[in-house]
N, C-alpha and C. Protein backbone atom coordinates (compact mmCIF):
# COMPACT_ATOMS: atom_id res chain seq x y z
N UNK A 1 23.82 109.25 -61.02
CA UNK A 1 24.08 108.01 -61.77
C UNK A 1 24.83 107.01 -60.91
N UNK A 2 25.82 107.53 -60.18
CA UNK A 2 26.62 106.67 -59.30
C UNK A 2 25.74 106.08 -58.20
N UNK A 3 24.84 106.92 -57.67
CA UNK A 3 23.93 106.44 -56.62
C UNK A 3 23.02 105.34 -57.13
N UNK A 4 22.56 105.48 -58.38
CA UNK A 4 21.69 104.48 -58.99
C UNK A 4 22.42 103.15 -59.15
N UNK A 5 23.71 103.22 -59.56
CA UNK A 5 24.51 102.00 -59.71
C UNK A 5 24.71 101.32 -58.36
N UNK A 6 24.99 102.14 -57.33
CA UNK A 6 25.16 101.59 -55.98
C UNK A 6 23.88 100.93 -55.48
N UNK A 7 22.74 101.56 -55.79
CA UNK A 7 21.45 101.03 -55.35
C UNK A 7 21.18 99.68 -56.03
N UNK A 8 21.47 99.61 -57.35
CA UNK A 8 21.28 98.35 -58.08
C UNK A 8 22.20 97.27 -57.53
N UNK A 9 23.42 97.66 -57.20
CA UNK A 9 24.40 96.70 -56.67
C UNK A 9 23.90 96.12 -55.34
N UNK A 10 23.35 97.01 -54.50
CA UNK A 10 22.81 96.56 -53.21
C UNK A 10 21.64 95.61 -53.41
N UNK A 11 20.76 95.92 -54.37
CA UNK A 11 19.60 95.06 -54.67
C UNK A 11 20.07 93.68 -55.11
N UNK A 12 21.09 93.65 -56.00
CA UNK A 12 21.62 92.37 -56.49
C UNK A 12 22.20 91.56 -55.34
N UNK A 13 22.94 92.21 -54.45
CA UNK A 13 23.55 91.53 -53.31
C UNK A 13 22.47 90.95 -52.40
N UNK A 14 21.43 91.76 -52.12
CA UNK A 14 20.34 91.29 -51.26
C UNK A 14 19.59 90.13 -51.90
N UNK A 15 19.36 90.22 -53.21
CA UNK A 15 18.67 89.14 -53.92
C UNK A 15 19.48 87.85 -53.87
N UNK A 16 20.79 87.97 -54.11
CA UNK A 16 21.66 86.79 -54.08
C UNK A 16 21.67 86.16 -52.68
N UNK A 17 21.71 87.02 -51.66
CA UNK A 17 21.70 86.53 -50.28
C UNK A 17 20.39 85.81 -49.97
N UNK A 18 19.29 86.39 -50.45
CA UNK A 18 17.98 85.80 -50.21
C UNK A 18 17.86 84.44 -50.89
N UNK A 19 18.33 84.34 -52.15
CA UNK A 19 18.30 83.06 -52.87
C UNK A 19 19.13 82.02 -52.14
N UNK A 20 20.30 82.42 -51.68
CA UNK A 20 21.19 81.50 -50.96
C UNK A 20 20.52 81.02 -49.67
N UNK A 21 19.82 81.93 -48.98
CA UNK A 21 19.14 81.58 -47.73
C UNK A 21 18.02 80.58 -47.99
N UNK A 22 17.22 80.83 -49.05
CA UNK A 22 16.10 79.94 -49.38
C UNK A 22 16.61 78.56 -49.77
N UNK A 23 17.67 78.51 -50.58
CA UNK A 23 18.25 77.24 -51.00
C UNK A 23 18.75 76.46 -49.79
N UNK A 24 19.45 77.15 -48.90
CA UNK A 24 19.98 76.50 -47.70
C UNK A 24 18.85 75.99 -46.81
N UNK A 25 17.78 76.80 -46.70
CA UNK A 25 16.63 76.40 -45.88
C UNK A 25 15.96 75.17 -46.45
N UNK A 26 15.75 75.15 -47.76
CA UNK A 26 15.12 74.01 -48.41
C UNK A 26 16.00 72.77 -48.32
N UNK A 27 17.31 72.99 -48.45
CA UNK A 27 18.23 71.85 -48.32
C UNK A 27 18.13 71.25 -46.92
N UNK A 28 17.98 72.14 -45.90
CA UNK A 28 17.82 71.65 -44.54
C UNK A 28 16.56 70.85 -44.38
N UNK A 29 15.48 71.32 -45.01
CA UNK A 29 14.21 70.59 -44.94
C UNK A 29 14.34 69.23 -45.61
N UNK A 30 14.97 69.20 -46.78
CA UNK A 30 15.14 67.93 -47.48
C UNK A 30 15.98 66.97 -46.65
N UNK A 31 16.98 67.52 -45.96
CA UNK A 31 17.83 66.67 -45.13
C UNK A 31 17.02 66.09 -43.97
N UNK A 32 16.08 66.88 -43.42
CA UNK A 32 15.23 66.40 -42.34
C UNK A 32 14.28 65.30 -42.82
N UNK A 33 13.94 65.32 -44.09
CA UNK A 33 13.00 64.33 -44.64
C UNK A 33 13.68 63.02 -45.00
N UNK A 34 15.00 63.01 -45.05
CA UNK A 34 15.71 61.80 -45.44
C UNK A 34 15.43 60.67 -44.47
N UNK A 35 15.38 59.45 -45.02
CA UNK A 35 15.28 58.26 -44.20
C UNK A 35 16.69 57.88 -43.76
N UNK A 36 16.92 57.85 -42.46
CA UNK A 36 18.27 57.59 -41.98
C UNK A 36 18.24 56.87 -40.63
N UNK A 37 19.41 56.38 -40.24
CA UNK A 37 19.54 55.62 -39.00
C UNK A 37 19.12 56.46 -37.79
N UNK A 38 18.51 55.77 -36.81
CA UNK A 38 18.09 56.43 -35.59
C UNK A 38 16.64 56.85 -35.57
N UNK A 39 15.95 56.76 -36.72
CA UNK A 39 14.56 57.19 -36.78
C UNK A 39 13.61 56.11 -36.26
N UNK A 40 12.54 56.57 -35.60
CA UNK A 40 11.48 55.69 -35.10
C UNK A 40 10.18 56.11 -35.77
N UNK A 41 9.43 55.13 -36.28
CA UNK A 41 8.17 55.43 -36.95
C UNK A 41 7.06 54.55 -36.38
N UNK A 42 5.91 55.19 -36.15
CA UNK A 42 4.69 54.48 -35.79
C UNK A 42 3.84 54.34 -37.04
N UNK A 43 3.09 53.25 -37.16
CA UNK A 43 2.24 53.10 -38.33
C UNK A 43 0.94 52.40 -37.98
N UNK A 44 -0.10 52.71 -38.74
CA UNK A 44 -1.41 52.08 -38.57
C UNK A 44 -1.99 51.87 -39.96
N UNK A 45 -2.54 50.67 -40.20
CA UNK A 45 -3.04 50.37 -41.54
C UNK A 45 -4.37 49.65 -41.51
N UNK A 46 -5.01 49.64 -42.66
CA UNK A 46 -6.26 48.90 -42.84
C UNK A 46 -6.12 48.02 -44.07
N UNK A 47 -6.61 46.80 -43.97
CA UNK A 47 -6.47 45.85 -45.06
C UNK A 47 -7.52 46.00 -46.13
N UNK A 48 -7.10 45.82 -47.37
CA UNK A 48 -8.02 45.86 -48.50
C UNK A 48 -8.42 44.48 -48.96
N UNK A 49 -7.65 43.46 -48.55
CA UNK A 49 -7.92 42.08 -48.97
C UNK A 49 -7.61 41.15 -47.80
N UNK A 50 -8.65 40.63 -47.17
CA UNK A 50 -8.47 39.81 -45.98
C UNK A 50 -7.69 38.54 -46.27
N UNK A 51 -6.91 38.09 -45.29
CA UNK A 51 -6.19 36.82 -45.39
C UNK A 51 -7.16 35.66 -45.59
N UNK A 52 -8.37 35.81 -45.10
CA UNK A 52 -9.37 34.75 -45.18
C UNK A 52 -10.39 35.01 -46.27
N UNK A 53 -9.95 35.64 -47.36
CA UNK A 53 -10.86 35.92 -48.45
C UNK A 53 -11.43 34.63 -49.01
N UNK A 54 -12.74 34.61 -49.21
CA UNK A 54 -13.43 33.42 -49.69
C UNK A 54 -14.82 33.81 -50.13
N UNK A 55 -15.34 33.08 -51.11
CA UNK A 55 -16.70 33.35 -51.58
C UNK A 55 -17.73 33.04 -50.51
N UNK A 56 -17.37 32.17 -49.56
CA UNK A 56 -18.31 31.75 -48.53
C UNK A 56 -18.05 32.45 -47.19
N UNK A 57 -17.27 33.52 -47.20
CA UNK A 57 -16.96 34.23 -45.97
C UNK A 57 -17.18 35.72 -46.17
N UNK A 58 -17.51 36.39 -45.09
CA UNK A 58 -17.67 37.84 -45.16
C UNK A 58 -16.94 38.48 -43.98
N UNK A 59 -16.42 39.66 -44.20
CA UNK A 59 -15.64 40.36 -43.19
C UNK A 59 -16.57 41.01 -42.18
N UNK A 60 -16.34 40.72 -40.91
CA UNK A 60 -17.08 41.36 -39.84
C UNK A 60 -16.36 42.62 -39.37
N UNK A 61 -15.05 42.50 -39.18
CA UNK A 61 -14.21 43.64 -38.83
C UNK A 61 -13.07 43.68 -39.84
N UNK A 62 -12.92 44.78 -40.58
CA UNK A 62 -11.84 44.86 -41.59
C UNK A 62 -10.48 44.62 -40.93
N UNK A 63 -9.56 44.00 -41.65
CA UNK A 63 -8.22 43.78 -41.09
C UNK A 63 -7.56 45.11 -40.74
N UNK A 64 -7.08 45.21 -39.51
CA UNK A 64 -6.38 46.41 -39.07
C UNK A 64 -5.03 46.00 -38.48
N UNK A 65 -4.07 46.89 -38.54
CA UNK A 65 -2.75 46.58 -38.01
C UNK A 65 -2.08 47.84 -37.48
N UNK A 66 -1.21 47.65 -36.51
CA UNK A 66 -0.39 48.74 -35.96
C UNK A 66 1.03 48.22 -35.82
N UNK A 67 1.98 49.13 -35.82
CA UNK A 67 3.37 48.70 -35.70
C UNK A 67 4.28 49.85 -35.35
N UNK A 68 5.49 49.50 -34.99
CA UNK A 68 6.54 50.48 -34.72
C UNK A 68 7.82 49.96 -35.34
N UNK A 69 8.58 50.85 -36.00
CA UNK A 69 9.83 50.47 -36.66
C UNK A 69 10.98 51.35 -36.18
N UNK A 70 12.13 50.73 -35.99
CA UNK A 70 13.34 51.47 -35.62
C UNK A 70 14.41 51.22 -36.69
N UNK A 71 14.92 52.29 -37.28
CA UNK A 71 15.92 52.16 -38.33
C UNK A 71 17.31 52.26 -37.71
N UNK A 72 17.99 51.12 -37.59
CA UNK A 72 19.31 51.13 -36.97
C UNK A 72 20.43 51.35 -37.98
N UNK A 73 20.11 51.24 -39.26
CA UNK A 73 21.00 51.63 -40.35
C UNK A 73 20.16 52.40 -41.37
N UNK A 74 20.83 53.18 -42.22
CA UNK A 74 20.06 53.90 -43.24
C UNK A 74 19.21 52.96 -44.08
N UNK A 75 19.68 51.74 -44.26
CA UNK A 75 19.01 50.80 -45.16
C UNK A 75 18.46 49.57 -44.43
N UNK A 76 18.46 49.56 -43.10
CA UNK A 76 17.96 48.41 -42.34
C UNK A 76 17.13 48.88 -41.15
N UNK A 77 16.03 48.15 -40.88
CA UNK A 77 15.22 48.48 -39.71
C UNK A 77 14.63 47.21 -39.11
N UNK A 78 14.20 47.33 -37.87
CA UNK A 78 13.54 46.23 -37.17
C UNK A 78 12.27 46.80 -36.55
N UNK A 79 11.23 45.97 -36.46
CA UNK A 79 9.98 46.49 -35.94
C UNK A 79 9.10 45.43 -35.31
N UNK A 80 8.04 45.90 -34.67
CA UNK A 80 7.03 45.03 -34.07
C UNK A 80 5.71 45.27 -34.78
N UNK A 81 4.91 44.20 -34.91
CA UNK A 81 3.66 44.26 -35.69
C UNK A 81 2.55 43.57 -34.91
N UNK A 82 1.35 44.14 -34.99
CA UNK A 82 0.16 43.48 -34.45
C UNK A 82 -1.00 43.69 -35.40
N UNK A 83 -1.71 42.61 -35.74
CA UNK A 83 -2.84 42.71 -36.64
C UNK A 83 -4.05 41.94 -36.13
N UNK A 84 -5.22 42.37 -36.58
CA UNK A 84 -6.48 41.73 -36.16
C UNK A 84 -7.48 41.77 -37.30
N UNK A 85 -8.26 40.70 -37.41
CA UNK A 85 -9.39 40.69 -38.34
C UNK A 85 -10.45 39.74 -37.82
N UNK A 86 -11.67 39.93 -38.27
CA UNK A 86 -12.78 39.07 -37.86
C UNK A 86 -13.58 38.69 -39.10
N UNK A 87 -13.74 37.38 -39.30
CA UNK A 87 -14.41 36.86 -40.49
C UNK A 87 -15.53 35.91 -40.09
N UNK A 88 -16.67 36.02 -40.74
CA UNK A 88 -17.80 35.14 -40.48
C UNK A 88 -18.08 34.27 -41.69
N UNK A 89 -18.41 32.99 -41.45
CA UNK A 89 -18.77 32.09 -42.53
C UNK A 89 -20.19 32.38 -42.99
N UNK A 90 -20.38 32.38 -44.29
CA UNK A 90 -21.68 32.69 -44.87
C UNK A 90 -22.15 31.48 -45.69
N UNK A 91 -23.06 30.71 -45.16
CA UNK A 91 -23.53 29.52 -45.86
C UNK A 91 -24.38 28.68 -44.94
N UNK A 92 -24.38 27.37 -45.13
CA UNK A 92 -25.15 26.47 -44.28
C UNK A 92 -24.24 25.39 -43.72
N UNK A 93 -24.69 24.74 -42.65
CA UNK A 93 -23.92 23.67 -42.01
C UNK A 93 -24.88 22.56 -41.62
N UNK A 94 -24.36 21.53 -40.97
CA UNK A 94 -25.19 20.42 -40.51
C UNK A 94 -25.04 20.24 -39.02
N UNK A 95 -26.10 19.78 -38.38
CA UNK A 95 -26.03 19.54 -36.95
C UNK A 95 -25.50 18.12 -36.69
N UNK A 96 -25.50 17.69 -35.43
CA UNK A 96 -24.97 16.38 -35.08
C UNK A 96 -25.75 15.22 -35.64
N UNK A 97 -26.95 15.47 -36.15
CA UNK A 97 -27.81 14.42 -36.71
C UNK A 97 -27.83 14.44 -38.24
N UNK A 98 -26.98 15.29 -38.82
CA UNK A 98 -26.92 15.35 -40.28
C UNK A 98 -27.95 16.27 -40.90
N UNK A 99 -28.71 16.95 -40.08
CA UNK A 99 -29.72 17.88 -40.60
C UNK A 99 -29.07 19.21 -40.97
N UNK A 100 -29.55 19.81 -42.04
CA UNK A 100 -29.00 21.08 -42.49
C UNK A 100 -29.43 22.22 -41.57
N UNK A 101 -28.45 23.04 -41.17
CA UNK A 101 -28.72 24.22 -40.37
C UNK A 101 -28.67 25.42 -41.31
N UNK A 102 -29.72 26.17 -41.37
CA UNK A 102 -29.74 27.31 -42.26
C UNK A 102 -28.81 28.41 -41.75
N UNK A 103 -28.47 29.30 -42.69
CA UNK A 103 -27.50 30.34 -42.40
C UNK A 103 -27.87 31.16 -41.18
N UNK A 104 -29.16 31.49 -41.02
CA UNK A 104 -29.57 32.34 -39.91
C UNK A 104 -29.73 31.58 -38.60
N UNK A 105 -29.41 30.27 -38.63
CA UNK A 105 -29.57 29.45 -37.43
C UNK A 105 -28.24 29.00 -36.83
N UNK A 106 -27.13 29.30 -37.49
CA UNK A 106 -25.85 28.90 -36.91
C UNK A 106 -24.89 30.09 -36.88
N UNK A 107 -23.88 29.95 -36.05
CA UNK A 107 -22.93 31.02 -35.83
C UNK A 107 -21.52 30.47 -35.98
N UNK A 108 -20.72 31.11 -36.83
CA UNK A 108 -19.33 30.69 -37.02
C UNK A 108 -18.51 31.93 -37.37
N UNK A 109 -17.72 32.40 -36.43
CA UNK A 109 -16.92 33.60 -36.62
C UNK A 109 -15.49 33.36 -36.15
N UNK A 110 -14.53 33.77 -36.98
CA UNK A 110 -13.12 33.60 -36.67
C UNK A 110 -12.51 34.96 -36.34
N UNK A 111 -12.08 35.13 -35.10
CA UNK A 111 -11.37 36.34 -34.68
C UNK A 111 -9.87 36.02 -34.70
N UNK A 112 -9.17 36.63 -35.64
CA UNK A 112 -7.79 36.28 -35.94
C UNK A 112 -6.83 37.35 -35.43
N UNK A 113 -5.79 36.91 -34.74
CA UNK A 113 -4.78 37.82 -34.19
C UNK A 113 -3.40 37.39 -34.70
N UNK A 114 -2.58 38.38 -35.02
CA UNK A 114 -1.22 38.09 -35.50
C UNK A 114 -0.26 39.12 -34.91
N UNK A 115 0.79 38.63 -34.28
CA UNK A 115 1.82 39.51 -33.76
C UNK A 115 3.19 38.99 -34.18
N UNK A 116 4.15 39.87 -34.37
CA UNK A 116 5.44 39.39 -34.83
C UNK A 116 6.53 40.45 -34.86
N UNK A 117 7.73 40.00 -35.16
CA UNK A 117 8.90 40.87 -35.35
C UNK A 117 9.19 40.97 -36.83
N UNK A 118 9.47 42.16 -37.30
CA UNK A 118 9.73 42.37 -38.72
C UNK A 118 11.13 42.92 -38.94
N UNK A 119 11.77 42.42 -40.00
CA UNK A 119 13.10 42.86 -40.38
C UNK A 119 13.03 43.37 -41.82
N UNK A 120 13.46 44.62 -42.05
CA UNK A 120 13.25 45.26 -43.35
C UNK A 120 14.54 45.80 -43.95
N UNK A 121 14.65 45.69 -45.27
CA UNK A 121 15.69 46.35 -46.03
C UNK A 121 15.07 47.51 -46.78
N UNK A 122 15.79 48.61 -46.94
CA UNK A 122 15.23 49.82 -47.53
C UNK A 122 16.09 50.34 -48.69
N UNK A 123 15.40 50.92 -49.66
CA UNK A 123 16.06 51.68 -50.71
C UNK A 123 15.32 53.01 -50.80
N UNK A 124 15.94 54.07 -50.32
CA UNK A 124 15.27 55.36 -50.20
C UNK A 124 15.79 56.36 -51.21
N UNK A 125 14.87 57.14 -51.77
CA UNK A 125 15.20 58.22 -52.68
C UNK A 125 14.38 59.43 -52.28
N UNK A 126 15.02 60.40 -51.63
CA UNK A 126 14.28 61.58 -51.19
C UNK A 126 13.21 61.23 -50.19
N UNK A 127 11.96 61.58 -50.54
CA UNK A 127 10.83 61.33 -49.65
C UNK A 127 10.19 59.96 -49.88
N UNK A 128 10.72 59.19 -50.82
CA UNK A 128 10.19 57.86 -51.11
C UNK A 128 11.06 56.78 -50.49
N UNK A 129 10.42 55.77 -49.97
CA UNK A 129 11.13 54.65 -49.36
C UNK A 129 10.54 53.34 -49.88
N UNK A 130 11.35 52.62 -50.66
CA UNK A 130 10.95 51.28 -51.11
C UNK A 130 11.52 50.28 -50.09
N UNK A 131 10.72 49.34 -49.65
CA UNK A 131 11.21 48.40 -48.65
C UNK A 131 10.62 47.01 -48.85
N UNK A 132 11.31 46.06 -48.29
CA UNK A 132 10.85 44.67 -48.31
C UNK A 132 11.45 43.97 -47.13
N UNK A 133 10.80 42.90 -46.69
CA UNK A 133 11.33 42.24 -45.51
C UNK A 133 10.65 40.93 -45.19
N UNK A 134 10.93 40.46 -43.99
CA UNK A 134 10.38 39.19 -43.51
C UNK A 134 9.87 39.39 -42.09
N UNK A 135 8.87 38.58 -41.74
CA UNK A 135 8.31 38.65 -40.40
C UNK A 135 8.27 37.26 -39.78
N UNK A 136 8.72 37.18 -38.55
CA UNK A 136 8.58 35.97 -37.75
C UNK A 136 7.46 36.26 -36.77
N UNK A 137 6.36 35.51 -36.88
CA UNK A 137 5.19 35.86 -36.09
C UNK A 137 4.53 34.69 -35.40
N UNK A 138 3.51 35.02 -34.67
CA UNK A 138 2.70 34.05 -33.94
C UNK A 138 1.25 34.45 -34.13
N UNK A 139 0.44 33.57 -34.68
CA UNK A 139 -0.97 33.90 -34.87
C UNK A 139 -1.86 32.92 -34.10
N UNK A 140 -3.01 33.40 -33.74
CA UNK A 140 -3.97 32.55 -33.04
C UNK A 140 -5.39 33.01 -33.39
N UNK A 141 -6.30 32.06 -33.40
CA UNK A 141 -7.69 32.32 -33.75
C UNK A 141 -8.60 31.99 -32.57
N UNK A 142 -9.57 32.85 -32.34
CA UNK A 142 -10.63 32.60 -31.37
C UNK A 142 -11.91 32.37 -32.17
N UNK A 143 -12.47 31.18 -32.03
CA UNK A 143 -13.65 30.80 -32.81
C UNK A 143 -14.91 30.96 -31.97
N UNK A 144 -15.88 31.65 -32.51
CA UNK A 144 -17.19 31.79 -31.88
C UNK A 144 -18.20 31.04 -32.74
N UNK A 145 -18.72 29.92 -32.24
CA UNK A 145 -19.63 29.09 -33.03
C UNK A 145 -20.58 28.31 -32.14
N UNK A 146 -21.72 27.91 -32.70
CA UNK A 146 -22.65 27.02 -32.00
C UNK A 146 -22.65 25.63 -32.62
N UNK A 147 -21.69 25.34 -33.51
CA UNK A 147 -21.53 24.00 -34.07
C UNK A 147 -20.78 23.16 -33.04
N UNK A 148 -21.41 22.12 -32.54
CA UNK A 148 -20.85 21.34 -31.44
C UNK A 148 -19.84 20.29 -31.89
N UNK A 149 -20.08 19.68 -33.04
CA UNK A 149 -19.20 18.62 -33.51
C UNK A 149 -18.36 19.13 -34.68
N UNK A 150 -17.03 18.99 -34.55
CA UNK A 150 -16.13 19.46 -35.61
C UNK A 150 -16.46 18.82 -36.95
N UNK A 151 -16.96 17.58 -36.92
CA UNK A 151 -17.29 16.88 -38.17
C UNK A 151 -18.41 17.56 -38.94
N UNK A 152 -19.20 18.35 -38.25
CA UNK A 152 -20.35 19.00 -38.89
C UNK A 152 -20.02 20.39 -39.43
N UNK A 153 -18.78 20.73 -39.43
CA UNK A 153 -18.40 22.05 -39.94
C UNK A 153 -18.68 22.15 -41.43
N UNK A 154 -18.89 23.36 -41.94
CA UNK A 154 -19.05 23.54 -43.39
C UNK A 154 -17.81 23.02 -44.11
N UNK A 155 -18.00 22.45 -45.27
CA UNK A 155 -16.89 21.85 -46.02
C UNK A 155 -15.79 22.88 -46.29
N UNK A 156 -14.56 22.48 -45.96
CA UNK A 156 -13.41 23.34 -46.22
C UNK A 156 -13.17 24.41 -45.17
N UNK A 157 -14.01 24.46 -44.14
CA UNK A 157 -13.88 25.48 -43.11
C UNK A 157 -13.42 24.83 -41.81
N UNK A 158 -12.33 25.32 -41.25
CA UNK A 158 -11.85 24.83 -39.96
C UNK A 158 -12.49 25.64 -38.85
N UNK A 159 -12.95 24.97 -37.81
CA UNK A 159 -13.59 25.70 -36.71
C UNK A 159 -12.84 25.47 -35.40
N UNK A 160 -11.73 24.76 -35.46
CA UNK A 160 -10.97 24.51 -34.25
C UNK A 160 -10.00 25.66 -34.00
N UNK A 161 -9.99 26.16 -32.76
CA UNK A 161 -9.06 27.22 -32.43
C UNK A 161 -7.63 26.70 -32.50
N UNK A 162 -6.72 27.53 -32.96
CA UNK A 162 -5.35 27.07 -33.10
C UNK A 162 -4.34 28.20 -32.97
N UNK A 163 -3.14 27.83 -32.56
CA UNK A 163 -2.03 28.76 -32.46
C UNK A 163 -0.93 28.28 -33.40
N UNK A 164 -0.25 29.19 -34.03
CA UNK A 164 0.74 28.79 -35.03
C UNK A 164 1.88 29.81 -35.12
N UNK A 165 3.11 29.30 -35.05
CA UNK A 165 4.27 30.14 -35.34
C UNK A 165 4.40 30.22 -36.86
N UNK A 166 4.55 31.40 -37.38
CA UNK A 166 4.54 31.57 -38.83
C UNK A 166 5.62 32.55 -39.27
N UNK A 167 5.96 32.52 -40.54
CA UNK A 167 6.88 33.49 -41.11
C UNK A 167 6.35 33.90 -42.48
N UNK A 168 6.69 35.09 -42.90
CA UNK A 168 6.15 35.60 -44.16
C UNK A 168 7.08 36.68 -44.72
N UNK A 169 6.81 37.07 -45.96
CA UNK A 169 7.55 38.14 -46.61
C UNK A 169 6.59 39.21 -47.11
N UNK A 170 7.10 40.39 -47.39
CA UNK A 170 6.26 41.48 -47.86
C UNK A 170 7.13 42.54 -48.55
N UNK A 171 6.49 43.37 -49.34
CA UNK A 171 7.14 44.52 -49.97
C UNK A 171 6.23 45.74 -49.79
N UNK A 172 6.82 46.93 -49.82
CA UNK A 172 6.00 48.12 -49.63
C UNK A 172 6.65 49.38 -50.16
N UNK A 173 5.87 50.45 -50.17
CA UNK A 173 6.31 51.76 -50.63
C UNK A 173 5.76 52.80 -49.67
N UNK A 174 6.63 53.74 -49.25
CA UNK A 174 6.21 54.78 -48.30
C UNK A 174 6.62 56.15 -48.82
N UNK A 175 5.77 57.13 -48.54
CA UNK A 175 6.07 58.53 -48.89
C UNK A 175 5.94 59.37 -47.62
N UNK A 176 6.98 60.15 -47.29
CA UNK A 176 6.98 60.97 -46.09
C UNK A 176 6.76 62.43 -46.46
N UNK A 177 5.94 63.14 -45.71
CA UNK A 177 5.66 64.56 -45.97
C UNK A 177 6.47 65.42 -45.01
N UNK A 178 6.58 66.75 -45.27
CA UNK A 178 7.32 67.64 -44.38
C UNK A 178 6.79 67.65 -42.95
N UNK A 179 5.53 67.27 -42.75
CA UNK A 179 4.94 67.23 -41.41
C UNK A 179 5.28 65.95 -40.66
N UNK A 180 6.14 65.10 -41.28
CA UNK A 180 6.56 63.81 -40.72
C UNK A 180 5.47 62.75 -40.80
N UNK A 181 4.35 63.10 -41.42
CA UNK A 181 3.29 62.13 -41.65
C UNK A 181 3.59 61.39 -42.95
N UNK A 182 3.43 60.08 -42.95
CA UNK A 182 3.72 59.29 -44.14
C UNK A 182 2.53 58.49 -44.60
N UNK A 183 2.56 58.09 -45.86
CA UNK A 183 1.54 57.22 -46.44
C UNK A 183 2.24 55.99 -46.99
N UNK A 184 1.68 54.81 -46.77
CA UNK A 184 2.34 53.61 -47.26
C UNK A 184 1.34 52.58 -47.78
N UNK A 185 1.86 51.68 -48.60
CA UNK A 185 1.08 50.55 -49.10
C UNK A 185 1.96 49.32 -49.06
N UNK A 186 1.37 48.17 -48.71
CA UNK A 186 2.12 46.92 -48.57
C UNK A 186 1.38 45.77 -49.22
N UNK A 187 2.15 44.82 -49.73
CA UNK A 187 1.61 43.55 -50.24
C UNK A 187 2.37 42.44 -49.53
N UNK A 188 1.65 41.52 -48.92
CA UNK A 188 2.30 40.41 -48.22
C UNK A 188 1.40 39.84 -47.16
N UNK A 189 1.81 38.73 -46.57
CA UNK A 189 0.98 38.06 -45.57
C UNK A 189 0.98 38.82 -44.26
N UNK A 190 -0.22 39.01 -43.71
CA UNK A 190 -0.40 39.65 -42.41
C UNK A 190 -1.87 39.49 -42.05
N UNK A 191 -2.42 40.48 -41.34
CA UNK A 191 -3.86 40.46 -41.10
C UNK A 191 -4.60 40.62 -42.42
N UNK A 192 -3.92 41.20 -43.41
CA UNK A 192 -4.45 41.37 -44.76
C UNK A 192 -3.36 41.08 -45.77
N UNK A 193 -3.76 40.74 -46.99
CA UNK A 193 -2.79 40.51 -48.05
C UNK A 193 -2.36 41.80 -48.73
N UNK A 194 -3.23 42.82 -48.64
CA UNK A 194 -2.93 44.15 -49.18
C UNK A 194 -3.31 45.18 -48.12
N UNK A 195 -2.38 46.05 -47.75
CA UNK A 195 -2.62 47.02 -46.67
C UNK A 195 -2.19 48.42 -47.11
N UNK A 196 -3.00 49.40 -46.73
CA UNK A 196 -2.62 50.81 -46.92
C UNK A 196 -2.76 51.49 -45.56
N UNK A 197 -1.97 52.54 -45.33
CA UNK A 197 -2.06 53.18 -44.03
C UNK A 197 -1.22 54.43 -43.90
N UNK A 198 -1.12 54.89 -42.66
CA UNK A 198 -0.40 56.10 -42.31
C UNK A 198 0.76 55.75 -41.38
N UNK A 199 1.81 56.56 -41.45
CA UNK A 199 2.92 56.41 -40.52
C UNK A 199 3.24 57.79 -39.97
N UNK A 200 3.91 57.79 -38.84
CA UNK A 200 4.35 59.08 -38.26
C UNK A 200 5.74 58.91 -37.67
N UNK A 201 6.64 59.79 -38.07
CA UNK A 201 8.02 59.74 -37.61
C UNK A 201 8.17 60.53 -36.32
N UNK A 202 8.67 59.90 -35.28
CA UNK A 202 8.85 60.58 -33.99
C UNK A 202 10.09 61.47 -34.02
């Protein structure tokens, strides 16, 4: 009887030790998943809604973006952003003599590039990170067209190449997994107005 009591006591002790070990291990994992100062994240996204959305335009290359973020405070980070999209005008135009050029006879494509610095504020809860911020950027367009006179452009469509310093705001939500792979979604001005993508914590 005494041996049985001793055996049960040992089982209880081992069980308690095992529970304590598992709890401590899981706590360590949760601590590793926390968003905190010193972390560097790479991200890549694809746009769901082009900046140049229009009934008379079609996407040639979906908006794509890449970036890197460094969190210098638990609730603040700074990052670099680069985005690209390609949009083609879908309709008709006029030549230098006022004659209508059919859709299959003219070429008008806007290759849009955007690069910038981003500053973000964060509110993190466990594996979720709510964030919002501002970007100071520089965008430029490369136009590929056979329309010779700017006056003959389709109504409401600019065909002149241009460079522009710009600023914008955005908000987003990110979820980080134990493998350090994250999923995020953003709303705001960039290569796209709505972006979803992946991130990876180094």
